[in-house]
Amino acid sequence: MTTFDVEVLLKGTDEVVTETVSHDGHDPAGWTDADVREVLLSTLRVFERVNSGEEAVGTVALRGLSWIVTETSGGVAINIEIPSGAIAAGPFDLLADELTQMITRVIASGSDRQDVH
């Protein structure tokens, strides 16, 4: 199990909301693309909850996101920017290049829709 923080900053506000998320899959060093997909979806679910005040009930497509993996103390973080705000998730004990490649594959193959956003 991996536990990580998701920080949300909504556009037009100056308050960062932080939630802790648990991922029941592999530890980051053993992540597959499926683990990365679930981490991204979990991160977007937190954003939707903060943005709307409710659990996400719609669908999300993992495309149209502006994202980058950055090195932080304790590992790397996923930073996502969308029109209504910004999200940071992590840290993860994983190489930045490896996570970048996995996210690239997940988003490129993500034509199917999942719960959220």
PDB file of N, CA and C in Angstrom:
ATOM      1  N   MET A   1       0.846  -1.181   0.000  1.00  0.00           N
ATOM      2  CA  MET A   1       0.000   0.000   0.000  1.00  0.00           C
ATOM      3  C   MET A   1       0.886   1.238   0.000  1.00  0.00           C
ATOM      4  N   THR A   2       0.491   2.212  -0.785  1.00  0.00           N
ATOM      5  CA  THR A   2       1.194   3.486  -0.867  1.00  0.00           C
ATOM      6  C   THR A   2       0.272   4.586  -0.370  1.00  0.00           C
ATOM      7  N   THR A   3       0.781   5.424   0.522  1.00  0.00           N
ATOM      8  CA  THR A   3       0.030   6.573   1.005  1.00  0.00           C
ATOM      9  C   THR A   3       0.742   7.831   0.522  1.00  0.00           C
ATOM     10  N   PHE A   4      -0.040   8.769  -0.016  1.00  0.00           N
ATOM     11  CA  PHE A   4       0.545  10.005  -0.529  1.00  0.00           C
ATOM     12  C   PHE A   4      -0.422  11.158  -0.327  1.00  0.00           C
ATOM     13  N   ASP A   5       0.119  12.374  -0.353  1.00  0.00           N
ATOM     14  CA  ASP A   5      -0.691  13.573  -0.210  1.00  0.00           C
ATOM     15  C   ASP A   5      -1.084  14.117  -1.572  1.00  0.00           C
ATOM     16  N   VAL A   6      -2.292  14.657  -1.636  1.00  0.00           N
ATOM     17  CA  VAL A   6      -2.766  15.381  -2.813  1.00  0.00           C
ATOM     18  C   VAL A   6      -3.084  16.796  -2.354  1.00  0.00           C
ATOM     19  N   GLU A   7      -2.430  17.762  -2.975  1.00  0.00           N
ATOM     20  CA  GLU A   7      -2.659  19.169  -2.665  1.00  0.00           C
ATOM     21  C   GLU A   7      -3.418  19.797  -3.826  1.00  0.00           C
ATOM     22  N   VAL A   8      -4.489  20.510  -3.506  1.00  0.00           N
ATOM     23  CA  VAL A   8      -5.346  21.125  -4.525  1.00  0.00           C
ATOM     24  C   VAL A   8      -5.385  22.632  -4.298  1.00  0.00           C
ATOM     25  N   LEU A   9      -5.160  23.368  -5.367  1.00  0.00           N
ATOM     26  CA  LEU A   9      -5.319  24.815  -5.358  1.00  0.00           C
ATOM     27  C   LEU A   9      -6.307  25.161  -6.462  1.00  0.00           C
ATOM     28  N   LEU A  10      -7.495  25.614  -6.061  1.00  0.00           N
ATOM     29  CA  LEU A  10      -8.507  25.991  -7.043  1.00  0.00           C
ATOM     30  C   LEU A  10      -8.195  27.370  -7.621  1.00  0.00           C
ATOM     31  N   LYS A  11      -8.482  27.541  -8.892  1.00  0.00           N
ATOM     32  CA  LYS A  11      -8.260  28.823  -9.554  1.00  0.00           C
ATOM     33  C   LYS A  11      -9.066  29.901  -8.836  1.00  0.00           C
ATOM     34  N   GLY A  12      -8.447  31.048  -8.621  1.00  0.00           N
ATOM     35  CA  GLY A  12      -9.127  32.159  -7.971  1.00  0.00           C
ATOM     36  C   GLY A  12      -9.099  32.104  -6.449  1.00  0.00           C
ATOM     37  N   THR A  13      -8.409  31.106  -5.880  1.00  0.00           N
ATOM     38  CA  THR A  13      -8.293  31.015  -4.424  1.00  0.00           C
ATOM     39  C   THR A  13      -6.813  31.017  -4.047  1.00  0.00           C
ATOM     40  N   ASP A  14      -6.549  31.188  -2.770  1.00  0.00           N
ATOM     41  CA  ASP A  14      -5.167  31.120  -2.310  1.00  0.00           C
ATOM     42  C   ASP A  14      -4.993  30.093  -1.205  1.00  0.00           C
ATOM     43  N   GLU A  15      -5.991  29.247  -1.013  1.00  0.00           N
ATOM     44  CA  GLU A  15      -5.938  28.211   0.021  1.00  0.00           C
ATOM     45  C   GLU A  15      -5.674  26.847  -0.617  1.00  0.00           C
ATOM     46  N   VAL A  16      -4.616  26.193  -0.155  1.00  0.00           N
ATOM     47  CA  VAL A  16      -4.291  24.847  -0.615  1.00  0.00           C
ATOM     48  C   VAL A  16      -4.980  23.851   0.316  1.00  0.00           C
ATOM     49  N   VAL A  17      -5.730  22.927  -0.268  1.00  0.00           N
ATOM     50  CA  VAL A  17      -6.395  21.872   0.488  1.00  0.00           C
ATOM     51  C   VAL A  17      -5.589  20.590   0.298  1.00  0.00           C
ATOM     52  N   THR A  18      -5.247  19.927   1.404  1.00  0.00           N
ATOM     53  CA  THR A  18      -4.445  18.708   1.332  1.00  0.00           C
ATOM     54  C   THR A  18      -5.245  17.530   1.862  1.00  0.00           C
ATOM     55  N   GLU A  19      -5.253  16.436   1.114  1.00  0.00           N
ATOM     56  CA  GLU A  19      -5.867  15.186   1.542  1.00  0.00           C
ATOM     57  C   GLU A  19      -4.842  14.074   1.381  1.00  0.00           C
ATOM     58  N   THR A  20      -4.922  13.082   2.252  1.00  0.00           N
ATOM     59  CA  THR A  20      -4.063  11.917   2.156  1.00  0.00           C
ATOM     60  C   THR A  20      -4.827  10.804   1.457  1.00  0.00           C
ATOM     61  N   VAL A  21      -4.173  10.154   0.512  1.00  0.00           N
ATOM     62  CA  VAL A  21      -4.786   9.111  -0.301  1.00  0.00           C
ATOM     63  C   VAL A  21      -3.982   7.827  -0.135  1.00  0.00           C
ATOM     64  N   SER A  22      -4.673   6.689  -0.123  1.00  0.00           N
ATOM     65  CA  SER A  22      -4.008   5.386  -0.085  1.00  0.00           C
ATOM     66  C   SER A  22      -4.290   4.655  -1.385  1.00  0.00           C
ATOM     67  N   HIS A  23      -3.236   4.045  -1.916  1.00  0.00           N
ATOM     68  CA  HIS A  23      -3.349   3.228  -3.128  1.00  0.00           C
ATOM     69  C   HIS A  23      -3.019   1.800  -2.724  1.00  0.00           C
ATOM     70  N   ASP A  24      -3.946   0.886  -2.949  1.00  0.00           N
ATOM     71  CA  ASP A  24      -3.788  -0.497  -2.513  1.00  0.00           C
ATOM     72  C   ASP A  24      -2.940  -1.357  -3.440  1.00  0.00           C
ATOM     73  N   GLY A  25      -2.410  -0.789  -4.490  1.00  0.00           N
ATOM     74  CA  GLY A  25      -1.595  -1.553  -5.435  1.00  0.00           C
ATOM     75  C   GLY A  25      -0.175  -1.742  -4.940  1.00  0.00           C
ATOM     76  N   HIS A  26       0.719  -1.915  -5.879  1.00  0.00           N
ATOM     77  CA  HIS A  26       2.139  -2.109  -5.591  1.00  0.00           C
ATOM     78  C   HIS A  26       2.755  -0.871  -4.955  1.00  0.00           C
ATOM     79  N   ASP A  27       3.924  -1.044  -4.324  1.00  0.00           N
ATOM     80  CA  ASP A  27       4.726   0.100  -3.919  1.00  0.00           C
ATOM     81  C   ASP A  27       5.247   0.765  -5.180  1.00  0.00           C
ATOM     82  N   PRO A  28       5.573   2.072  -5.138  1.00  0.00           N
ATOM     83  CA  PRO A  28       5.986   2.777  -6.355  1.00  0.00           C
ATOM     84  C   PRO A  28       7.092   2.086  -7.154  1.00  0.00           C
ATOM     85  N   ALA A  29       8.056   1.483  -6.505  1.00  0.00           N
ATOM     86  CA  ALA A  29       9.151   0.834  -7.235  1.00  0.00           C
ATOM     87  C   ALA A  29       8.645  -0.303  -8.132  1.00  0.00           C
ATOM     88  N   GLY A  30       7.487  -0.875  -7.813  1.00  0.00           N
ATOM     89  CA  GLY A  30       6.932  -1.967  -8.598  1.00  0.00           C
ATOM     90  C   GLY A  30       5.699  -1.589  -9.391  1.00  0.00           C
ATOM     91  N   TRP A  31       5.436  -0.285  -9.516  1.00  0.00           N
ATOM     92  CA  TRP A  31       4.237   0.160 -10.206  1.00  0.00           C
ATOM     93  C   TRP A  31       4.182  -0.307 -11.652  1.00  0.00           C
ATOM     94  N   THR A  32       2.977  -0.637 -12.054  1.00  0.00           N
ATOM     95  CA  THR A  32       2.664  -0.905 -13.448  1.00  0.00           C
ATOM     96  C   THR A  32       1.893   0.305 -13.975  1.00  0.00           C
ATOM     97  N   ASP A  33       1.612   0.307 -15.256  1.00  0.00           N
ATOM     98  CA  ASP A  33       0.799   1.387 -15.810  1.00  0.00           C
ATOM     99  C   ASP A  33      -0.583   1.421 -15.155  1.00  0.00           C
ATOM    100  N   ALA A  34      -1.113   0.262 -14.780  1.00  0.00           N
ATOM    101  CA  ALA A  34      -2.422   0.219 -14.106  1.00  0.00           C
ATOM    102  C   ALA A  34      -2.364   0.935 -12.756  1.00  0.00           C
ATOM    103  N   ASP A  35      -1.271   0.778 -12.026  1.00  0.00           N
ATOM    104  CA  ASP A  35      -1.115   1.495 -10.752  1.00  0.00           C
ATOM    105  C   ASP A  35      -1.072   2.997 -10.993  1.00  0.00           C
ATOM    106  N   VAL A  36      -0.321   3.418 -12.000  1.00  0.00           N
ATOM    107  CA  VAL A  36      -0.208   4.842 -12.306  1.00  0.00           C
ATOM    108  C   VAL A  36      -1.567   5.404 -12.713  1.00  0.00           C
ATOM    109  N   ARG A  37      -2.317   4.660 -13.510  1.00  0.00           N
ATOM    110  CA  ARG A  37      -3.666   5.097 -13.898  1.00  0.00           C
ATOM    111  C   ARG A  37      -4.535   5.315 -12.651  1.00  0.00           C
ATOM    112  N   GLU A  38      -4.500   4.382 -11.716  1.00  0.00           N
ATOM    113  CA  GLU A  38      -5.320   4.508 -10.516  1.00  0.00           C
ATOM    114  C   GLU A  38      -4.872   5.673  -9.645  1.00  0.00           C
ATOM    115  N   VAL A  39      -3.564   5.896  -9.551  1.00  0.00           N
ATOM    116  CA  VAL A  39      -3.064   7.047  -8.788  1.00  0.00           C
ATOM    117  C   VAL A  39      -3.543   8.351  -9.426  1.00  0.00           C
ATOM    118  N   LEU A  40      -3.480   8.444 -10.749  1.00  0.00           N
ATOM    119  CA  LEU A  40      -3.970   9.640 -11.432  1.00  0.00           C
ATOM    120  C   LEU A  40      -5.469   9.841 -11.197  1.00  0.00           C
ATOM    121  N   LEU A  41      -6.240   8.771 -11.322  1.00  0.00           N
ATOM    122  CA  LEU A  41      -7.689   8.876 -11.099  1.00  0.00           C
ATOM    123  C   LEU A  41      -8.000   9.251  -9.655  1.00  0.00           C
ATOM    124  N   SER A  42      -7.285   8.663  -8.709  1.00  0.00           N
ATOM    125  CA  SER A  42      -7.484   9.008  -7.290  1.00  0.00           C
ATOM    126  C   SER A  42      -7.174  10.479  -7.048  1.00  0.00           C
ATOM    127  N   THR A  43      -6.125  10.957  -7.682  1.00  0.00           N
ATOM    128  CA  THR A  43      -5.737  12.360  -7.547  1.00  0.00           C
ATOM    129  C   THR A  43      -6.830  13.272  -8.106  1.00  0.00           C
ATOM    130  N   LEU A  44      -7.380  12.923  -9.254  1.00  0.00           N
ATOM    131  CA  LEU A  44      -8.453  13.729  -9.848  1.00  0.00           C
ATOM    132  C   LEU A  44      -9.743  13.643  -9.038  1.00  0.00           C
ATOM    133  N   ARG A  45      -9.981  12.507  -8.379  1.00  0.00           N
ATOM    134  CA  ARG A  45     -11.154  12.394  -7.498  1.00  0.00           C
ATOM    135  C   ARG A  45     -11.059  13.378  -6.336  1.00  0.00           C
ATOM    136  N   VAL A  46      -9.855  13.528  -5.782  1.00  0.00           N
ATOM    137  CA  VAL A  46      -9.661  14.503  -4.703  1.00  0.00           C
ATOM    138  C   VAL A  46      -9.938  15.902  -5.234  1.00  0.00           C
ATOM    139  N   PHE A  47      -9.414  16.218  -6.412  1.00  0.00           N
ATOM    140  CA  PHE A  47      -9.663  17.536  -6.988  1.00  0.00           C
ATOM    141  C   PHE A  47     -11.161  17.785  -7.131  1.00  0.00           C
ATOM    142  N   GLU A  48     -11.882  16.816  -7.654  1.00  0.00           N
ATOM    143  CA  GLU A  48     -13.324  16.989  -7.858  1.00  0.00           C
ATOM    144  C   GLU A  48     -14.054  17.187  -6.534  1.00  0.00           C
ATOM    145  N   ARG A  49     -13.651  16.440  -5.516  1.00  0.00           N
ATOM    146  CA  ARG A  49     -14.273  16.576  -4.196  1.00  0.00           C
ATOM    147  C   ARG A  49     -14.036  17.978  -3.634  1.00  0.00           C
ATOM    148  N   VAL A  50     -12.827  18.493  -3.766  1.00  0.00           N
ATOM    149  CA  VAL A  50     -12.510  19.838  -3.279  1.00  0.00           C
ATOM    150  C   VAL A  50     -13.230  20.888  -4.120  1.00  0.00           C
ATOM    151  N   ASN A  51     -13.263  20.702  -5.426  1.00  0.00           N
ATOM    152  CA  ASN A  51     -13.881  21.665  -6.336  1.00  0.00           C
ATOM    153  C   ASN A  51     -15.393  21.739  -6.166  1.00  0.00           C
ATOM    154  N   SER A  52     -16.043  20.584  -6.057  1.00  0.00           N
ATOM    155  CA  SER A  52     -17.511  20.578  -6.019  1.00  0.00           C
ATOM    156  C   SER A  52     -18.084  20.380  -4.620  1.00  0.00           C
ATOM    157  N   GLY A  53     -17.260  19.909  -3.705  1.00  0.00           N
ATOM    158  CA  GLY A  53     -17.749  19.627  -2.359  1.00  0.00           C
ATOM    159  C   GLY A  53     -18.451  18.285  -2.261  1.00  0.00           C
ATOM    160  N   GLU A  54     -18.428  17.507  -3.344  1.00  0.00           N
ATOM    161  CA  GLU A  54     -19.098  16.202  -3.369  1.00  0.00           C
ATOM    162  C   GLU A  54     -18.182  15.162  -3.988  1.00  0.00           C
ATOM    163  N   GLU A  55     -18.497  13.898  -3.727  1.00  0.00           N
ATOM    164  CA  GLU A  55     -17.774  12.814  -4.386  1.00  0.00           C
ATOM    165  C   GLU A  55     -18.019  12.899  -5.882  1.00  0.00           C
ATOM    166  N   ALA A  56     -17.033  12.553  -6.654  1.00  0.00           N
ATOM    167  CA  ALA A  56     -17.157  12.589  -8.105  1.00  0.00           C
ATOM    168  C   ALA A  56     -18.168  11.553  -8.570  1.00  0.00           C
ATOM    169  N   VAL A  57     -19.070  11.977  -9.439  1.00  0.00           N
ATOM    170  CA  VAL A  57     -20.063  11.046  -9.966  1.00  0.00           C
ATOM    171  C   VAL A  57     -20.034  10.981 -11.494  1.00  0.00           C
ATOM    172  N   GLY A  58     -19.299  11.866 -12.117  1.00  0.00           N
ATOM    173  CA  GLY A  58     -19.214  11.898 -13.576  1.00  0.00           C
ATOM    174  C   GLY A  58     -18.117  10.989 -14.083  1.00  0.00           C
ATOM    175  N   THR A  59     -17.627  11.316 -15.272  1.00  0.00           N
ATOM    176  CA  THR A  59     -16.552  10.536 -15.864  1.00  0.00           C
ATOM    177  C   THR A  59     -15.356  11.434 -16.102  1.00  0.00           C
ATOM    178  N   VAL A  60     -14.206  10.817 -16.261  1.00  0.00           N
ATOM    179  CA  VAL A  60     -12.983  11.552 -16.553  1.00  0.00           C
ATOM    180  C   VAL A  60     -12.231  10.831 -17.653  1.00  0.00           C
ATOM    181  N   ALA A  61     -11.645  11.597 -18.514  1.00  0.00           N
ATOM    182  CA  ALA A  61     -10.746  11.040 -19.509  1.00  0.00           C
ATOM    183  C   ALA A  61      -9.359  11.560 -19.173  1.00  0.00           C
ATOM    184  N   LEU A  62      -8.391  10.689 -19.170  1.00  0.00           N
ATOM    185  CA  LEU A  62      -7.029  11.099 -18.844  1.00  0.00           C
ATOM    186  C   LEU A  62      -6.359  11.687 -20.082  1.00  0.00           C
ATOM    187  N   ARG A  63      -6.892  12.808 -20.515  1.00  0.00           N
ATOM    188  CA  ARG A  63      -6.305  13.540 -21.634  1.00  0.00           C
ATOM    189  C   ARG A  63      -6.633  15.016 -21.431  1.00  0.00           C
ATOM    190  N   GLY A  64      -5.887  15.838 -22.089  1.00  0.00           N
ATOM    191  CA  GLY A  64      -6.103  17.267 -21.941  1.00  0.00           C
ATOM    192  C   GLY A  64      -5.520  17.831 -20.661  1.00  0.00           C
ATOM    193  N   LEU A  65      -4.685  17.048 -19.987  1.00  0.00           N
ATOM    194  CA  LEU A  65      -4.055  17.501 -18.758  1.00  0.00           C
ATOM    195  C   LEU A  65      -2.683  18.068 -19.083  1.00  0.00           C
ATOM    196  N   SER A  66      -2.330  19.127 -18.407  1.00  0.00           N
ATOM    197  CA  SER A  66      -0.970  19.621 -18.463  1.00  0.00           C
ATOM    198  C   SER A  66      -0.300  19.096 -17.198  1.00  0.00           C
ATOM    199  N   TRP A  67       0.741  18.297 -17.356  1.00  0.00           N
ATOM    200  CA  TRP A  67       1.346  17.660 -16.189  1.00  0.00           C
ATOM    201  C   TRP A  67       2.864  17.598 -16.330  1.00  0.00           C
ATOM    202  N   ILE A  68       3.509  17.424 -15.178  1.00  0.00           N
ATOM    203  CA  ILE A  68       4.952  17.262 -15.133  1.00  0.00           C
ATOM    204  C   ILE A  68       5.299  16.486 -13.864  1.00  0.00           C
ATOM    205  N   VAL A  69       6.358  15.709 -13.936  1.00  0.00           N
ATOM    206  CA  VAL A  69       6.880  15.017 -12.760  1.00  0.00           C
ATOM    207  C   VAL A  69       8.089  15.816 -12.289  1.00  0.00           C
ATOM    208  N   THR A  70       8.102  16.180 -11.006  1.00  0.00           N
ATOM    209  CA  THR A  70       9.206  16.965 -10.453  1.00  0.00           C
ATOM    210  C   THR A  70       9.825  16.241  -9.273  1.00  0.00           C
ATOM    211  N   GLU A  71      11.102  16.473  -9.081  1.00  0.00           N
ATOM    212  CA  GLU A  71      11.793  15.901  -7.932  1.00  0.00           C
ATOM    213  C   GLU A  71      11.501  16.753  -6.706  1.00  0.00           C
ATOM    214  N   THR A  72      11.245  16.080  -5.591  1.00  0.00           N
ATOM    215  CA  THR A  72      10.977  16.753  -4.329  1.00  0.00           C
ATOM    216  C   THR A  72      11.753  16.019  -3.234  1.00  0.00           C
ATOM    217  N   SER A  73      11.737  16.568  -2.039  1.00  0.00           N
ATOM    218  CA  SER A  73      12.353  15.829  -0.946  1.00  0.00           C
ATOM    219  C   SER A  73      11.490  14.594  -0.697  1.00  0.00           C
ATOM    220  N   GLY A  74      12.097  13.453  -0.655  1.00  0.00           N
ATOM    221  CA  GLY A  74      11.358  12.217  -0.442  1.00  0.00           C
ATOM    222  C   GLY A  74      10.960  11.505  -1.717  1.00  0.00           C
ATOM    223  N   GLY A  75      11.348  12.011  -2.884  1.00  0.00           N
ATOM    224  CA  GLY A  75      11.006  11.326  -4.128  1.00  0.00           C
ATOM    225  C   GLY A  75      10.607  12.276  -5.226  1.00  0.00           C
ATOM    226  N   VAL A  76       9.532  11.914  -5.931  1.00  0.00           N
ATOM    227  CA  VAL A  76       9.028  12.745  -7.026  1.00  0.00           C
ATOM    228  C   VAL A  76       7.553  13.038  -6.787  1.00  0.00           C
ATOM    229  N   ALA A  77       7.071  14.091  -7.437  1.00  0.00           N
ATOM    230  CA  ALA A  77       5.658  14.469  -7.337  1.00  0.00           C
ATOM    231  C   ALA A  77       5.085  14.611  -8.732  1.00  0.00           C
ATOM    232  N   ILE A  78       3.797  14.347  -8.841  1.00  0.00           N
ATOM    233  CA  ILE A  78       3.051  14.576 -10.077  1.00  0.00           C
ATOM    234  C   ILE A  78       2.342  15.910  -9.914  1.00  0.00           C
ATOM    235  N   ASN A  79       2.588  16.830 -10.828  1.00  0.00           N
ATOM    236  CA  ASN A  79       1.935  18.137 -10.803  1.00  0.00           C
ATOM    237  C   ASN A  79       1.049  18.245 -12.027  1.00  0.00           C
ATOM    238  N   ILE A  80      -0.217  18.568 -11.792  1.00  0.00           N
ATOM    239  CA  ILE A  80      -1.212  18.638 -12.860  1.00  0.00           C
ATOM    240  C   ILE A  80      -1.849  20.020 -12.843  1.00  0.00           C
ATOM    241  N   GLU A  81      -1.998  20.589 -14.025  1.00  0.00           N
ATOM    242  CA  GLU A  81      -2.717  21.848 -14.146  1.00  0.00           C
ATOM    243  C   GLU A  81      -3.878  21.643 -15.107  1.00  0.00           C
ATOM    244  N   ILE A  82      -5.055  22.066 -14.663  1.00  0.00           N
ATOM    245  CA  ILE A  82      -6.252  22.036 -15.494  1.00  0.00           C
ATOM    246  C   ILE A  82      -6.883  23.418 -15.401  1.00  0.00           C
ATOM    247  N   PRO A  83      -7.814  23.752 -16.268  1.00  0.00           N
ATOM    248  CA  PRO A  83      -8.353  25.112 -16.276  1.00  0.00           C
ATOM    249  C   PRO A  83      -8.902  25.593 -14.927  1.00  0.00           C
ATOM    250  N   SER A  84      -9.415  24.697 -14.107  1.00  0.00           N
ATOM    251  CA  SER A  84     -10.018  25.136 -12.851  1.00  0.00           C
ATOM    252  C   SER A  84      -9.099  25.043 -11.644  1.00  0.00           C
ATOM    253  N   GLY A  85      -7.818  24.679 -11.845  1.00  0.00           N
ATOM    254  CA  GLY A  85      -6.911  24.650 -10.713  1.00  0.00           C
ATOM    255  C   GLY A  85      -5.656  23.849 -10.956  1.00  0.00           C
ATOM    256  N   ALA A  86      -4.934  23.623  -9.856  1.00  0.00           N
ATOM    257  CA  ALA A  86      -3.675  22.879  -9.914  1.00  0.00           C
ATOM    258  C   ALA A  86      -3.672  21.814  -8.825  1.00  0.00           C
ATOM    259  N   ILE A  87      -2.971  20.723  -9.113  1.00  0.00           N
ATOM    260  CA  ILE A  87      -2.933  19.576  -8.211  1.00  0.00           C
ATOM    261  C   ILE A  87      -1.494  19.095  -8.120  1.00  0.00           C
ATOM    262  N   ALA A  88      -1.072  18.724  -6.912  1.00  0.00           N
ATOM    263  CA  ALA A  88       0.228  18.081  -6.718  1.00  0.00           C
ATOM    264  C   ALA A  88      -0.013  16.810  -5.915  1.00  0.00           C
ATOM    265  N   ALA A  89       0.601  15.706  -6.339  1.00  0.00           N
ATOM    266  CA  ALA A  89       0.450  14.425  -5.645  1.00  0.00           C
ATOM    267  C   ALA A  89       1.826  13.827  -5.405  1.00  0.00           C
ATOM    268  N   GLY A  90       2.034  13.309  -4.201  1.00  0.00           N
ATOM    269  CA  GLY A  90       3.300  12.658  -3.892  1.00  0.00           C
ATOM    270  C   GLY A  90       3.698  12.910  -2.455  1.00  0.00           C
ATOM    271  N   PRO A  91       4.927  12.681  -2.096  1.00  0.00           N
ATOM    272  CA  PRO A  91       6.005  12.202  -2.952  1.00  0.00           C
ATOM    273  C   PRO A  91       5.955  10.684  -3.130  1.00  0.00           C
ATOM    274  N   PHE A  92       6.568  10.246  -4.227  1.00  0.00           N
ATOM    275  CA  PHE A  92       6.663   8.826  -4.546  1.00  0.00           C
ATOM    276  C   PHE A  92       8.135   8.455  -4.670  1.00  0.00           C
ATOM    277  N   ASP A  93       8.497   7.315  -4.131  1.00  0.00           N
ATOM    278  CA  ASP A  93       9.874   6.833  -4.194  1.00  0.00           C
ATOM    279  C   ASP A  93      10.083   6.118  -5.518  1.00  0.00           C
ATOM    280  N   LEU A  94      10.363   6.907  -6.547  1.00  0.00           N
ATOM    281  CA  LEU A  94      10.457   6.408  -7.909  1.00  0.00           C
ATOM    282  C   LEU A  94      11.321   7.389  -8.708  1.00  0.00           C
ATOM    283  N   LEU A  95      11.989   6.915  -9.724  1.00  0.00           N
ATOM    284  CA  LEU A  95      12.769   7.810 -10.583  1.00  0.00           C
ATOM    285  C   LEU A  95      11.832   8.671 -11.427  1.00  0.00           C
ATOM    286  N   ALA A  96      12.159   9.944 -11.577  1.00  0.00           N
ATOM    287  CA  ALA A  96      11.313  10.871 -12.334  1.00  0.00           C
ATOM    288  C   ALA A  96      11.117  10.408 -13.772  1.00  0.00           C
ATOM    289  N   ASP A  97      12.193   9.952 -14.425  1.00  0.00           N
ATOM    290  CA  ASP A  97      12.076   9.510 -15.812  1.00  0.00           C
ATOM    291  C   ASP A  97      11.147   8.309 -15.948  1.00  0.00           C
ATOM    292  N   GLU A  98      11.225   7.391 -14.997  1.00  0.00           N
ATOM    293  CA  GLU A  98      10.381   6.195 -15.045  1.00  0.00           C
ATOM    294  C   GLU A  98       8.903   6.559 -14.899  1.00  0.00           C
ATOM    295  N   LEU A  99       8.592   7.420 -13.915  1.00  0.00           N
ATOM    296  CA  LEU A  99       7.206   7.836 -13.718  1.00  0.00           C
ATOM    297  C   LEU A  99       6.714   8.646 -14.918  1.00  0.00           C
ATOM    298  N   THR A 100       7.554   9.492 -15.464  1.00  0.00           N
ATOM    299  CA  THR A 100       7.186  10.274 -16.647  1.00  0.00           C
ATOM    300  C   THR A 100       6.804   9.356 -17.799  1.00  0.00           C
ATOM    301  N   GLN A 101       7.593   8.323 -18.031  1.00  0.00           N
ATOM    302  CA  GLN A 101       7.300   7.380 -19.114  1.00  0.00           C
ATOM    303  C   GLN A 101       5.983   6.643 -18.872  1.00  0.00           C
ATOM    304  N   MET A 102       5.727   6.243 -17.623  1.00  0.00           N
ATOM    305  CA  MET A 102       4.480   5.533 -17.325  1.00  0.00           C
ATOM    306  C   MET A 102       3.271   6.436 -17.524  1.00  0.00           C
ATOM    307  N   ILE A 103       3.349   7.677 -17.026  1.00  0.00           N
ATOM    308  CA  ILE A 103       2.229   8.604 -17.201  1.00  0.00           C
ATOM    309  C   ILE A 103       1.989   8.870 -18.688  1.00  0.00           C
ATOM    310  N   THR A 104       3.054   9.038 -19.444  1.00  0.00           N
ATOM    311  CA  THR A 104       2.923   9.261 -20.884  1.00  0.00           C
ATOM    312  C   THR A 104       2.169   8.107 -21.538  1.00  0.00           C
ATOM    313  N   ARG A 105       2.529   6.862 -21.189  1.00  0.00           N
ATOM    314  CA  ARG A 105       1.842   5.698 -21.765  1.00  0.00           C
ATOM    315  C   ARG A 105       0.380   5.648 -21.331  1.00  0.00           C
ATOM    316  N   VAL A 106       0.126   5.900 -20.050  1.00  0.00           N
ATOM    317  CA  VAL A 106      -1.247   5.832 -19.519  1.00  0.00           C
ATOM    318  C   VAL A 106      -2.133   6.862 -20.212  1.00  0.00           C
ATOM    319  N   ILE A 107      -1.648   8.084 -20.337  1.00  0.00           N
ATOM    320  CA  ILE A 107      -2.457   9.125 -20.973  1.00  0.00           C
ATOM    321  C   ILE A 107      -2.633   8.841 -22.460  1.00  0.00           C
ATOM    322  N   ALA A 108      -1.589   8.342 -23.105  1.00  0.00           N
ATOM    323  CA  ALA A 108      -1.690   8.033 -24.542  1.00  0.00           C
ATOM    324  C   ALA A 108      -2.687   6.907 -24.797  1.00  0.00           C
ATOM    325  N   SER A 109      -2.792   5.959 -23.884  1.00  0.00           N
ATOM    326  CA  SER A 109      -3.714   4.847 -24.074  1.00  0.00           C
ATOM    327  C   SER A 109      -5.061   5.105 -23.427  1.00  0.00           C
ATOM    328  N   GLY A 110      -5.247   6.274 -22.843  1.00  0.00           N
ATOM    329  CA  GLY A 110      -6.430   6.556 -22.030  1.00  0.00           C
ATOM    330  C   GLY A 110      -7.625   7.056 -22.770  1.00  0.00           C
ATOM    331  N   SER A 111      -7.978   6.436 -23.902  1.00  0.00           N
ATOM    332  CA  SER A 111      -9.169   6.884 -24.617  1.00  0.00           C
ATOM    333  C   SER A 111     -10.445   6.418 -23.937  1.00  0.00           C
ATOM    334  N   ASP A 112     -10.321   5.410 -23.047  1.00  0.00           N
ATOM    335  CA  ASP A 112     -11.513   4.981 -22.316  1.00  0.00           C
ATOM    336  C   ASP A 112     -11.719   5.904 -21.129  1.00  0.00           C
ATOM    337  N   ARG A 113     -12.940   6.026 -20.697  1.00  0.00           N
ATOM    338  CA  ARG A 113     -13.278   6.943 -19.612  1.00  0.00           C
ATOM    339  C   ARG A 113     -13.392   6.185 -18.301  1.00  0.00           C
ATOM    340  N   GLN A 114     -13.091   6.881 -17.228  1.00  0.00           N
ATOM    341  CA  GLN A 114     -13.173   6.316 -15.877  1.00  0.00           C
ATOM    342  C   GLN A 114     -14.010   7.273 -15.029  1.00  0.00           C
ATOM    343  N   ASP A 115     -14.334   6.834 -13.810  1.00  0.00           N
ATOM    344  CA  ASP A 115     -15.080   7.686 -12.884  1.00  0.00           C
ATOM    345  C   ASP A 115     -14.311   8.960 -12.589  1.00  0.00           C
ATOM    346  N   VAL A 116     -15.025  10.101 -12.509  1.00  0.00           N
ATOM    347  CA  VAL A 116     -14.503  11.365 -12.010  1.00  0.00           C
ATOM    348  C   VAL A 116     -14.467  12.514 -12.985  1.00  0.00           C
ATOM    349  N   HIS A 117     -14.079  13.646 -12.520  1.00  0.00           N
ATOM    350  CA  HIS A 117     -13.712  14.926 -13.095  1.00  0.00           C
ATOM    351  C   HIS A 117     -14.645  15.504 -14.082  1.00  0.00           C
TER     352      HIS A 117
END
